[in-house]
Amino acid sequence: MSYPVRATRRCIQRDHETVIDGIDYCADLVANTWDGTQTTERRRVIEPLQSALESAGILETLPVVLSDAVESAGYDLESTPVPAPPYVVLTSRGPICRATIEPGRVLIRFDVFDIVRKATPVYERLDGIQLSVSLE
């Protein structure tokens, strides 16, 4: 793992713990609406997760997380990120923050759901949140 990736991960875990906890809480709210521990309907993941994250103010905060994380790695963003693509994207696994910096593209994933590939994809709530940072 490279220095920028470690610095980015540490910044998020240290300085933005409330955001991580908020994403985890919102994912629990979504999963609690399912009839069990999983669903086969993508819309039962994306739409309620977006609504919960917006209501909690998490989506508006993710560009700040991205800026802080990139700065902690010693880089600058070319422009101010916004809570929308290309900087913040909501997937069926959870939110993603991304930006282009001098050495490449930083990608921060907050995975709270997993996709099990079967005849029909099945969405399952992860036990907690998986934070991953990569520099591509």
N, C-alpha and C. Protein backbone atom coordinates (compact mmCIF):
# COMPACT_ATOMS: atom_id res chain seq x y z
N MET A 1 0.85 -1.17 0.00
CA MET A 1 0.00 0.00 0.00
C MET A 1 0.90 1.23 0.00
N SER A 2 0.61 2.18 -0.85
CA SER A 2 1.45 3.36 -1.00
C SER A 2 1.18 4.39 0.09
N TYR A 3 2.11 5.32 0.25
CA TYR A 3 1.94 6.37 1.24
C TYR A 3 0.65 7.16 1.04
N PRO A 4 0.35 7.64 -0.19
CA PRO A 4 -0.89 8.41 -0.35
C PRO A 4 -2.15 7.63 0.04
N VAL A 5 -2.16 6.35 -0.26
CA VAL A 5 -3.32 5.52 0.08
C VAL A 5 -3.44 5.40 1.60
N ARG A 6 -2.33 5.14 2.29
CA ARG A 6 -2.35 5.03 3.76
C ARG A 6 -2.77 6.35 4.39
N ALA A 7 -2.22 7.44 3.90
CA ALA A 7 -2.55 8.75 4.46
C ALA A 7 -4.03 9.08 4.26
N THR A 8 -4.54 8.74 3.11
CA THR A 8 -5.95 8.98 2.80
C THR A 8 -6.85 8.16 3.72
N ARG A 9 -6.54 6.90 3.86
CA ARG A 9 -7.34 6.01 4.72
C ARG A 9 -7.30 6.49 6.18
N ARG A 10 -6.10 6.82 6.66
CA ARG A 10 -5.97 7.29 8.05
C ARG A 10 -6.77 8.55 8.29
N CYS A 11 -6.72 9.48 7.36
CA CYS A 11 -7.47 10.73 7.49
C CYS A 11 -8.96 10.46 7.61
N ILE A 12 -9.47 9.60 6.76
CA ILE A 12 -10.91 9.29 6.79
C ILE A 12 -11.28 8.62 8.10
N GLN A 13 -10.50 7.64 8.52
CA GLN A 13 -10.81 6.92 9.76
C GLN A 13 -10.67 7.80 10.99
N ARG A 14 -9.71 8.70 10.98
CA ARG A 14 -9.44 9.54 12.14
C ARG A 14 -10.34 10.78 12.19
N ASP A 15 -10.46 11.47 11.06
CA ASP A 15 -11.14 12.76 11.05
C ASP A 15 -12.59 12.72 10.62
N HIS A 16 -13.02 11.60 10.07
CA HIS A 16 -14.39 11.53 9.54
C HIS A 16 -15.12 10.29 10.04
N GLU A 17 -14.86 9.93 11.27
CA GLU A 17 -15.50 8.76 11.88
C GLU A 17 -17.02 8.92 11.92
N THR A 18 -17.51 10.15 12.13
CA THR A 18 -18.96 10.36 12.17
C THR A 18 -19.60 10.12 10.81
N VAL A 19 -18.88 10.40 9.74
CA VAL A 19 -19.40 10.14 8.39
C VAL A 19 -19.48 8.63 8.17
N ILE A 20 -18.43 7.91 8.56
CA ILE A 20 -18.44 6.46 8.43
C ILE A 20 -19.59 5.86 9.23
N ASP A 21 -19.74 6.31 10.47
CA ASP A 21 -20.84 5.82 11.31
C ASP A 21 -22.20 6.17 10.70
N GLY A 22 -22.30 7.35 10.11
CA GLY A 22 -23.56 7.76 9.49
C GLY A 22 -23.92 6.91 8.28
N ILE A 23 -22.93 6.59 7.47
CA ILE A 23 -23.17 5.72 6.31
C ILE A 23 -23.62 4.35 6.79
N ASP A 24 -22.96 3.83 7.81
CA ASP A 24 -23.31 2.53 8.39
C ASP A 24 -24.74 2.54 8.91
N TYR A 25 -25.10 3.59 9.62
CA TYR A 25 -26.45 3.73 10.18
C TYR A 25 -27.50 3.79 9.06
N CYS A 26 -27.22 4.57 8.04
CA CYS A 26 -28.17 4.68 6.92
C CYS A 26 -28.35 3.34 6.21
N ALA A 27 -27.28 2.58 6.07
CA ALA A 27 -27.37 1.25 5.44
C ALA A 27 -28.23 0.32 6.29
N ASP A 28 -28.09 0.42 7.62
CA ASP A 28 -28.95 -0.37 8.51
C ASP A 28 -30.42 -0.02 8.31
N LEU A 29 -30.71 1.27 8.18
CA LEU A 29 -32.09 1.70 7.95
C LEU A 29 -32.65 1.08 6.67
N VAL A 30 -31.84 1.07 5.63
CA VAL A 30 -32.27 0.50 4.36
C VAL A 30 -32.52 -1.00 4.50
N ALA A 31 -31.55 -1.70 5.07
CA ALA A 31 -31.68 -3.16 5.20
C ALA A 31 -32.85 -3.55 6.10
N ASN A 32 -33.19 -2.71 7.06
CA ASN A 32 -34.32 -3.00 7.95
C ASN A 32 -35.67 -2.95 7.25
N THR A 33 -35.71 -2.38 6.04
CA THR A 33 -36.97 -2.33 5.28
C THR A 33 -37.19 -3.59 4.45
N TRP A 34 -36.14 -4.42 4.34
CA TRP A 34 -36.26 -5.65 3.57
C TRP A 34 -36.99 -6.71 4.39
N ASP A 35 -37.50 -7.72 3.70
CA ASP A 35 -38.22 -8.80 4.36
C ASP A 35 -37.28 -9.81 5.03
N GLY A 36 -36.01 -9.67 4.84
CA GLY A 36 -35.01 -10.57 5.44
C GLY A 36 -33.68 -9.85 5.45
N THR A 37 -32.62 -10.59 5.24
CA THR A 37 -31.29 -9.98 5.26
C THR A 37 -30.79 -9.61 3.87
N GLN A 38 -31.63 -9.83 2.86
CA GLN A 38 -31.22 -9.52 1.49
C GLN A 38 -32.42 -9.16 0.64
N THR A 39 -32.12 -8.61 -0.54
CA THR A 39 -33.16 -8.29 -1.51
C THR A 39 -32.59 -8.53 -2.91
N THR A 40 -33.47 -8.77 -3.85
CA THR A 40 -33.05 -8.96 -5.24
C THR A 40 -33.33 -7.70 -6.06
N GLU A 41 -33.91 -6.69 -5.43
CA GLU A 41 -34.32 -5.49 -6.16
C GLU A 41 -33.33 -4.34 -5.91
N ARG A 42 -32.63 -3.96 -6.95
CA ARG A 42 -31.64 -2.88 -6.86
C ARG A 42 -32.27 -1.58 -6.36
N ARG A 43 -33.48 -1.31 -6.78
CA ARG A 43 -34.14 -0.06 -6.36
C ARG A 43 -34.40 -0.03 -4.86
N ARG A 44 -34.47 -1.20 -4.21
CA ARG A 44 -34.66 -1.24 -2.76
C ARG A 44 -33.36 -0.99 -2.01
N VAL A 45 -32.29 -0.83 -2.77
CA VAL A 45 -30.99 -0.49 -2.19
C VAL A 45 -30.68 0.98 -2.48
N ILE A 46 -30.61 1.33 -3.74
CA ILE A 46 -30.15 2.65 -4.18
C ILE A 46 -31.06 3.78 -3.71
N GLU A 47 -32.35 3.70 -4.03
CA GLU A 47 -33.26 4.81 -3.72
C GLU A 47 -33.35 5.10 -2.23
N PRO A 48 -33.59 4.08 -1.39
CA PRO A 48 -33.67 4.39 0.04
C PRO A 48 -32.32 4.80 0.64
N LEU A 49 -31.21 4.27 0.11
CA LEU A 49 -29.90 4.67 0.63
C LEU A 49 -29.64 6.14 0.30
N GLN A 50 -29.95 6.54 -0.91
CA GLN A 50 -29.76 7.94 -1.29
C GLN A 50 -30.62 8.85 -0.41
N SER A 51 -31.85 8.47 -0.21
CA SER A 51 -32.75 9.27 0.63
C SER A 51 -32.22 9.37 2.07
N ALA A 52 -31.78 8.26 2.62
CA ALA A 52 -31.27 8.25 4.00
C ALA A 52 -30.00 9.09 4.12
N LEU A 53 -29.10 8.95 3.15
CA LEU A 53 -27.85 9.72 3.18
C LEU A 53 -28.11 11.21 3.02
N GLU A 54 -29.07 11.57 2.18
CA GLU A 54 -29.42 12.97 2.01
C GLU A 54 -30.05 13.52 3.28
N SER A 55 -30.98 12.79 3.87
CA SER A 55 -31.64 13.23 5.09
C SER A 55 -30.65 13.42 6.24
N ALA A 56 -29.65 12.57 6.30
CA ALA A 56 -28.66 12.64 7.37
C ALA A 56 -27.57 13.68 7.09
N GLY A 57 -27.58 14.28 5.90
CA GLY A 57 -26.57 15.26 5.53
C GLY A 57 -25.24 14.64 5.14
N ILE A 58 -25.23 13.34 4.95
CA ILE A 58 -23.98 12.64 4.63
C ILE A 58 -23.53 12.93 3.19
N LEU A 59 -24.45 12.94 2.24
CA LEU A 59 -24.05 13.19 0.84
C LEU A 59 -23.38 14.55 0.70
N GLU A 60 -23.89 15.55 1.40
CA GLU A 60 -23.30 16.89 1.33
C GLU A 60 -21.91 16.94 1.97
N THR A 61 -21.64 16.01 2.88
CA THR A 61 -20.37 15.99 3.60
C THR A 61 -19.28 15.22 2.85
N LEU A 62 -19.67 14.31 1.98
CA LEU A 62 -18.67 13.48 1.29
C LEU A 62 -17.64 14.26 0.47
N PRO A 63 -18.00 15.39 -0.19
CA PRO A 63 -16.95 16.16 -0.87
C PRO A 63 -15.90 16.72 0.10
N VAL A 64 -16.30 17.04 1.32
CA VAL A 64 -15.35 17.52 2.33
C VAL A 64 -14.41 16.38 2.72
N VAL A 65 -14.98 15.18 2.89
CA VAL A 65 -14.16 14.00 3.19
C VAL A 65 -13.13 13.79 2.09
N LEU A 66 -13.58 13.87 0.85
CA LEU A 66 -12.69 13.69 -0.30
C LEU A 66 -11.58 14.74 -0.30
N SER A 67 -11.93 15.99 -0.11
CA SER A 67 -10.93 17.07 -0.09
C SER A 67 -9.91 16.87 1.02
N ASP A 68 -10.39 16.59 2.22
CA ASP A 68 -9.50 16.38 3.35
C ASP A 68 -8.57 15.20 3.12
N ALA A 69 -9.12 14.12 2.59
CA ALA A 69 -8.33 12.91 2.37
C ALA A 69 -7.24 13.15 1.33
N VAL A 70 -7.57 13.83 0.26
CA VAL A 70 -6.58 14.12 -0.78
C VAL A 70 -5.51 15.06 -0.22
N GLU A 71 -5.92 16.06 0.53
CA GLU A 71 -4.96 16.99 1.13
C GLU A 71 -4.02 16.27 2.10
N SER A 72 -4.56 15.33 2.87
CA SER A 72 -3.73 14.60 3.83
C SER A 72 -2.65 13.77 3.15
N ALA A 73 -2.89 13.42 1.89
CA ALA A 73 -1.90 12.65 1.12
C ALA A 73 -0.89 13.57 0.43
N GLY A 74 -1.07 14.89 0.61
CA GLY A 74 -0.12 15.84 0.04
C GLY A 74 -0.44 16.31 -1.36
N TYR A 75 -1.70 16.17 -1.78
CA TYR A 75 -2.09 16.57 -3.13
C TYR A 75 -3.20 17.61 -3.07
N ASP A 76 -3.41 18.27 -4.20
CA ASP A 76 -4.47 19.26 -4.33
C ASP A 76 -5.46 18.81 -5.38
N LEU A 77 -6.71 19.18 -5.18
CA LEU A 77 -7.73 18.93 -6.19
C LEU A 77 -7.74 20.10 -7.17
N GLU A 78 -8.01 19.81 -8.41
CA GLU A 78 -8.03 20.86 -9.43
C GLU A 78 -9.24 21.76 -9.29
N SER A 79 -10.32 21.24 -8.73
CA SER A 79 -11.53 22.03 -8.53
C SER A 79 -12.21 21.57 -7.25
N THR A 80 -13.18 22.33 -6.81
CA THR A 80 -13.89 22.00 -5.59
C THR A 80 -14.91 20.89 -5.88
N PRO A 81 -14.83 19.78 -5.15
CA PRO A 81 -15.77 18.68 -5.41
C PRO A 81 -17.19 19.03 -4.95
N VAL A 82 -18.13 18.41 -5.59
CA VAL A 82 -19.55 18.59 -5.27
C VAL A 82 -20.15 17.23 -4.94
N PRO A 83 -21.31 17.22 -4.25
CA PRO A 83 -21.92 15.92 -3.88
C PRO A 83 -22.69 15.27 -5.03
N ALA A 84 -22.04 15.16 -6.16
CA ALA A 84 -22.65 14.58 -7.36
C ALA A 84 -21.52 14.07 -8.25
N PRO A 85 -21.87 13.29 -9.28
CA PRO A 85 -20.84 12.82 -10.21
C PRO A 85 -20.11 14.02 -10.83
N PRO A 86 -18.84 13.92 -11.07
CA PRO A 86 -18.00 12.73 -10.99
C PRO A 86 -17.38 12.50 -9.62
N TYR A 87 -17.58 13.40 -8.67
CA TYR A 87 -16.90 13.30 -7.38
C TYR A 87 -17.56 12.32 -6.41
N VAL A 88 -18.86 12.35 -6.31
CA VAL A 88 -19.58 11.45 -5.40
C VAL A 88 -20.61 10.68 -6.21
N VAL A 89 -20.53 9.36 -6.11
CA VAL A 89 -21.43 8.49 -6.86
C VAL A 89 -22.02 7.47 -5.89
N LEU A 90 -23.29 7.24 -5.99
CA LEU A 90 -23.93 6.24 -5.14
C LEU A 90 -24.15 4.98 -5.97
N THR A 91 -23.59 3.86 -5.49
CA THR A 91 -23.73 2.57 -6.16
C THR A 91 -24.57 1.64 -5.29
N SER A 92 -24.86 0.48 -5.79
CA SER A 92 -25.63 -0.49 -5.00
C SER A 92 -24.78 -1.11 -3.89
N ARG A 93 -23.51 -0.84 -3.87
CA ARG A 93 -22.63 -1.28 -2.77
C ARG A 93 -22.47 -0.20 -1.71
N GLY A 94 -22.65 1.05 -2.09
CA GLY A 94 -22.50 2.18 -1.19
C GLY A 94 -21.92 3.37 -1.92
N PRO A 95 -21.63 4.45 -1.19
CA PRO A 95 -21.08 5.65 -1.83
C PRO A 95 -19.62 5.48 -2.24
N ILE A 96 -19.26 6.20 -3.31
CA ILE A 96 -17.89 6.26 -3.78
C ILE A 96 -17.53 7.73 -3.97
N CYS A 97 -16.33 8.09 -3.52
CA CYS A 97 -15.77 9.42 -3.78
C CYS A 97 -14.57 9.22 -4.69
N ARG A 98 -14.44 10.09 -5.67
CA ARG A 98 -13.33 9.93 -6.60
C ARG A 98 -12.88 11.29 -7.13
N ALA A 99 -11.59 11.37 -7.41
CA ALA A 99 -11.02 12.60 -7.95
C ALA A 99 -9.72 12.29 -8.65
N THR A 100 -9.37 13.15 -9.59
CA THR A 100 -8.11 13.02 -10.28
C THR A 100 -7.09 13.91 -9.58
N ILE A 101 -5.94 13.32 -9.24
CA ILE A 101 -4.85 14.07 -8.64
C ILE A 101 -3.60 13.81 -9.47
N GLU A 102 -2.51 14.48 -9.13
CA GLU A 102 -1.29 14.41 -9.94
C GLU A 102 -0.85 12.99 -10.31
N PRO A 103 -0.78 12.04 -9.36
CA PRO A 103 -0.31 10.71 -9.78
C PRO A 103 -1.37 9.81 -10.39
N GLY A 104 -2.62 10.22 -10.39
CA GLY A 104 -3.67 9.36 -10.95
C GLY A 104 -5.03 9.68 -10.37
N ARG A 105 -5.85 8.66 -10.23
CA ARG A 105 -7.21 8.83 -9.75
C ARG A 105 -7.34 8.18 -8.38
N VAL A 106 -7.80 8.96 -7.40
CA VAL A 106 -8.04 8.41 -6.08
C VAL A 106 -9.51 7.96 -6.02
N LEU A 107 -9.71 6.78 -5.47
CA LEU A 107 -11.04 6.19 -5.37
C LEU A 107 -11.26 5.74 -3.93
N ILE A 108 -12.31 6.29 -3.30
CA ILE A 108 -12.64 5.96 -1.92
C ILE A 108 -14.01 5.30 -1.93
N ARG A 109 -14.05 4.05 -1.47
CA ARG A 109 -15.31 3.28 -1.46
C ARG A 109 -15.75 3.07 -0.02
N PHE A 110 -17.03 3.28 0.20
CA PHE A 110 -17.66 2.99 1.48
C PHE A 110 -18.68 1.88 1.22
N ASP A 111 -18.22 0.64 1.17
CA ASP A 111 -19.11 -0.47 0.85
C ASP A 111 -19.90 -0.90 2.09
N VAL A 112 -21.22 -0.92 1.95
CA VAL A 112 -22.10 -1.35 3.03
C VAL A 112 -23.00 -2.50 2.60
N PHE A 113 -23.02 -2.78 1.30
CA PHE A 113 -23.79 -3.89 0.75
C PHE A 113 -22.87 -4.71 -0.14
N ASP A 114 -23.20 -5.98 -0.26
CA ASP A 114 -22.48 -6.87 -1.15
C ASP A 114 -23.46 -7.38 -2.20
N ILE A 115 -22.94 -7.73 -3.35
CA ILE A 115 -23.77 -8.29 -4.41
C ILE A 115 -23.34 -9.74 -4.62
N VAL A 116 -24.26 -10.64 -4.44
CA VAL A 116 -24.02 -12.06 -4.68
C VAL A 116 -24.59 -12.35 -6.06
N ARG A 117 -23.72 -12.76 -6.97
CA ARG A 117 -24.15 -13.01 -8.36
C ARG A 117 -24.76 -14.40 -8.45
N LYS A 118 -26.04 -14.42 -8.78
CA LYS A 118 -26.78 -15.65 -9.03
C LYS A 118 -27.56 -15.43 -10.32
N ALA A 119 -28.59 -16.21 -10.57
CA ALA A 119 -29.43 -15.97 -11.75
C ALA A 119 -29.96 -14.54 -11.69
N THR A 120 -30.34 -14.11 -10.49
CA THR A 120 -30.73 -12.74 -10.21
C THR A 120 -29.79 -12.23 -9.13
N PRO A 121 -29.17 -11.06 -9.32
CA PRO A 121 -28.27 -10.56 -8.28
C PRO A 121 -29.01 -10.39 -6.94
N VAL A 122 -28.32 -10.72 -5.86
CA VAL A 122 -28.88 -10.58 -4.51
C VAL A 122 -28.02 -9.57 -3.76
N TYR A 123 -28.68 -8.60 -3.16
CA TYR A 123 -28.00 -7.57 -2.39
C TYR A 123 -28.11 -7.92 -0.92
N GLU A 124 -26.95 -7.95 -0.24
CA GLU A 124 -26.91 -8.30 1.17
C GLU A 124 -26.23 -7.19 1.95
N ARG A 125 -26.68 -6.96 3.17
CA ARG A 125 -26.06 -5.98 4.05
C ARG A 125 -24.77 -6.58 4.60
N LEU A 126 -23.67 -5.86 4.46
CA LEU A 126 -22.41 -6.29 5.05
C LEU A 126 -22.47 -6.11 6.56
N ASP A 127 -21.62 -6.79 7.27
CA ASP A 127 -21.51 -6.59 8.71
C ASP A 127 -20.62 -5.37 8.94
N GLY A 128 -21.23 -4.21 8.98
CA GLY A 128 -20.48 -2.96 9.13
C GLY A 128 -20.21 -2.32 7.78
N ILE A 129 -19.10 -1.61 7.73
CA ILE A 129 -18.73 -0.88 6.53
C ILE A 129 -17.31 -1.25 6.13
N GLN A 130 -17.08 -1.41 4.84
CA GLN A 130 -15.74 -1.70 4.33
C GLN A 130 -15.23 -0.45 3.63
N LEU A 131 -14.23 0.17 4.21
CA LEU A 131 -13.61 1.34 3.61
C LEU A 131 -12.42 0.88 2.78
N SER A 132 -12.41 1.26 1.51
CA SER A 132 -11.25 0.94 0.68
C SER A 132 -10.82 2.20 -0.06
N VAL A 133 -9.52 2.34 -0.18
CA VAL A 133 -8.92 3.49 -0.87
C VAL A 133 -7.94 2.94 -1.89
N SER A 134 -8.00 3.48 -3.10
CA SER A 134 -7.04 3.07 -4.11
C SER A 134 -6.61 4.28 -4.92
N LEU A 135 -5.44 4.15 -5.49
CA LEU A 135 -4.88 5.16 -6.38
C LEU A 135 -4.57 4.46 -7.68
N GLU A 136 -5.27 4.84 -8.72
CA GLU A 136 -5.14 4.14 -10.01
C GLU A 136 -4.45 5.01 -11.03
